[in-house]
Protein backbone atom coordinates (compact mmCIF):
# COMPACT_ATOMS: atom_id res chain seq x y z
CA MET A 1 274.39 -47.93 1.62
CA ALA A 2 271.44 -46.32 -0.02
CA LYS A 3 270.92 -49.50 -1.99
CA SER A 4 270.55 -51.72 1.06
CA THR A 5 268.04 -49.32 2.67
CA ARG A 6 265.89 -49.32 -0.45
CA GLY A 7 266.02 -53.14 -0.62
CA SER A 8 265.11 -53.53 3.05
CA SER A 9 262.20 -51.12 2.75
CA LYS A 10 260.86 -53.04 -0.28
CA LEU A 11 261.18 -56.24 1.69
CA LEU A 12 259.38 -54.65 4.65
CA TRP A 13 256.50 -53.47 2.43
CA LEU A 14 256.33 -56.89 0.80
CA MET A 15 256.09 -58.56 4.23
CA ILE A 16 253.39 -56.12 5.38
CA LEU A 17 251.45 -56.77 2.18
CA LEU A 18 251.73 -60.56 2.68
CA VAL A 19 250.57 -60.28 6.32
CA LEU A 20 247.56 -58.16 5.27
CA LEU A 21 246.63 -60.56 2.45
CA SER A 22 246.90 -63.63 4.68
CA THR A 23 244.85 -61.91 7.41
CA GLY A 24 242.17 -61.02 4.85
CA ALA A 25 242.15 -64.58 3.49
CA ALA A 26 241.88 -66.02 7.01
CA THR A 27 239.02 -63.64 7.85
CA ALA A 28 237.18 -64.61 4.66
CA ALA A 29 237.67 -68.32 5.40
CA ILE A 30 236.38 -67.94 8.97
CA TYR A 31 233.38 -65.94 7.74
CA MET A 32 232.51 -68.62 5.17
CA VAL A 33 232.83 -71.44 7.70
CA MET A 34 230.72 -69.61 10.27
CA SER A 35 228.03 -68.65 7.76
CA ASP A 36 227.86 -72.29 6.60
CA ARG A 37 227.32 -73.39 10.19
CA ASN A 38 224.58 -70.79 10.69
CA GLY A 39 223.06 -71.79 7.36
CA ASP A 40 223.10 -75.43 8.45
CA ALA A 41 221.49 -74.50 11.76
CA GLU A 42 218.84 -72.48 9.96
CA GLY A 43 218.40 -75.26 7.42
CA SER A 44 218.05 -77.91 10.12
CA ALA A 45 215.61 -75.68 12.01
CA GLN A 46 213.58 -75.34 8.83
CA THR A 47 213.81 -79.09 8.29
CA GLN A 48 212.60 -79.71 11.84
CA GLN A 49 209.83 -77.20 11.29
CA LEU A 50 208.83 -78.90 8.05
CA GLU A 51 208.82 -82.39 9.57
CA ARG A 52 205.26 -83.58 9.32
CA GLN A 53 203.79 -85.19 12.39
CA THR A 54 201.29 -87.96 11.80
CA PRO A 55 197.93 -86.98 13.27
CA ILE A 56 196.37 -89.29 15.84
CA PHE A 57 192.63 -89.90 15.58
CA VAL A 58 190.20 -91.77 17.81
CA LYS A 59 187.09 -92.92 15.97
CA ILE A 60 183.82 -93.04 17.87
CA ASP A 61 181.32 -95.29 16.16
CA PRO A 62 178.17 -93.54 14.89
CA PHE A 63 175.20 -93.39 17.25
CA THR A 64 171.66 -92.06 17.35
CA VAL A 65 170.39 -89.75 20.08
CA ASN A 66 166.92 -88.44 20.92
CA LEU A 67 167.19 -84.66 21.03
CA ALA A 68 165.23 -82.44 23.40
CA ASP A 69 161.71 -81.80 22.12
CA ASP A 70 161.11 -78.58 20.22
CA SER A 71 158.18 -77.07 18.29
CA TYR A 72 158.45 -79.92 15.76
CA GLY A 73 158.16 -82.58 18.45
CA SER A 74 160.65 -85.39 18.93
CA ARG A 75 163.84 -85.15 16.83
CA LEU A 76 166.83 -87.45 16.33
CA LEU A 77 170.53 -86.85 15.83
CA TYR A 78 172.62 -89.45 14.02
CA THR A 79 176.31 -88.63 14.28
CA GLY A 80 179.72 -90.15 13.81
CA ILE A 81 182.72 -88.49 15.43
CA SER A 82 186.49 -88.68 15.20
CA LEU A 83 188.63 -86.98 17.83
CA LYS A 84 192.02 -85.55 16.88
CA VAL A 85 194.28 -86.09 19.89
CA GLY A 86 197.79 -84.92 20.72
CA SER A 87 199.34 -88.14 22.05
CA ASP A 88 199.18 -91.91 21.98
CA GLU A 89 198.51 -91.83 25.71
CA THR A 90 195.32 -89.82 25.16
CA ARG A 91 194.25 -92.25 22.42
CA THR A 92 194.85 -95.20 24.76
CA ILE A 93 192.87 -93.63 27.63
CA LEU A 94 189.93 -92.75 25.36
CA THR A 95 189.91 -96.21 23.76
CA GLU A 96 190.07 -97.99 27.13
CA HIS A 97 187.18 -95.88 28.45
CA MET A 98 185.08 -95.78 25.28
CA PRO A 99 181.81 -96.76 27.02
CA GLN A 100 182.22 -93.79 29.38
CA VAL A 101 183.11 -91.50 26.46
CA ARG A 102 180.02 -92.57 24.50
CA SER A 103 177.82 -92.17 27.58
CA ARG A 104 179.06 -88.64 28.22
CA LEU A 105 178.50 -87.70 24.59
CA LEU A 106 174.99 -89.20 24.58
CA MET A 107 174.13 -87.20 27.71
CA LEU A 108 175.51 -84.00 26.16
CA PHE A 109 173.72 -84.45 22.84
CA SER A 110 170.38 -85.50 24.33
CA GLY A 111 170.08 -82.12 26.04
CA LYS A 112 170.34 -80.24 22.73
CA GLN A 113 167.57 -79.06 20.45
CA ALA A 114 167.76 -79.57 16.70
CA SER A 115 167.78 -75.82 16.04
CA GLU A 116 171.00 -75.50 18.08
CA LEU A 117 172.81 -78.08 15.96
CA THR A 118 171.88 -77.33 12.36
CA SER A 119 174.01 -74.19 11.82
CA PRO A 120 177.79 -74.27 11.36
CA GLU A 121 178.15 -72.09 14.48
CA GLY A 122 176.04 -74.58 16.44
CA LYS A 123 178.32 -77.41 15.36
CA ARG A 124 181.40 -75.39 16.42
CA ARG A 125 179.86 -74.77 19.85
CA LEU A 126 178.98 -78.45 20.13
CA SER A 127 182.57 -79.32 19.25
CA GLU A 128 183.85 -77.07 22.06
CA GLU A 129 181.36 -78.64 24.48
CA VAL A 130 182.55 -82.12 23.52
CA ILE A 131 186.15 -81.12 24.29
CA ALA A 132 185.06 -79.65 27.65
CA THR A 133 183.03 -82.79 28.47
CA LEU A 134 185.99 -85.05 27.76
CA ALA A 135 188.35 -82.85 29.79
CA GLU A 136 186.83 -84.24 32.98
CA PRO A 137 188.88 -87.25 34.15
CA LEU A 138 187.60 -90.67 33.14
CA THR A 139 189.66 -92.42 35.81
CA GLU A 140 191.90 -91.50 38.75
CA PRO A 141 194.75 -90.72 38.46
CA GLN A 142 194.68 -89.55 34.86
CA PRO A 143 196.91 -87.10 33.02
CA PRO A 144 195.06 -84.33 31.17
CA LEU A 145 193.65 -85.50 27.84
CA GLU A 146 194.95 -83.74 24.75
CA VAL A 147 191.80 -83.53 22.61
CA GLN A 148 192.70 -81.02 19.88
CA ASP A 149 189.67 -81.17 17.61
CA VAL A 150 186.28 -82.82 17.17
CA LEU A 151 185.50 -83.92 13.63
CA PHE A 152 181.92 -84.77 12.73
CA THR A 153 182.20 -87.48 10.10
CA GLU A 154 178.44 -88.02 9.96
CA PHE A 155 175.76 -85.62 11.12
CA ILE A 156 172.04 -85.98 10.41
CA VAL A 157 169.26 -84.22 12.32
CA GLN A 158 165.77 -85.59 11.66
């Protein structure tokens, strides 16, 4: 009788050991599957973050403007501008209303003096003023324009 008790207790320990090993293996498998999914989610988030969006530019042909008189007399500004916009809709609206856009810019620039425009800080301020000038609706109804940046491609003060 002692023999059968020893055999059953060995069998019991063997079964407990097998249950523990299989539980550990299942836990490890679940952990690996879940970490792969999280890794894929992180990887896809990084991929989405790294996706490069093509910038949208609206070119405004170069023009010459008489600047406000200063101590040097009459001065001229010759400038070419490209606008970086946030959507195709903004590009379409600006292109359709280009005469109005050019007129607004000519009015803005003609009120400036050469000394205001020659420094880098002056150009930055002018860029902000251009964005503010173009924020006013060109037509009704019009969604807000997404002008992100003003790029001076040509800029000569004489």
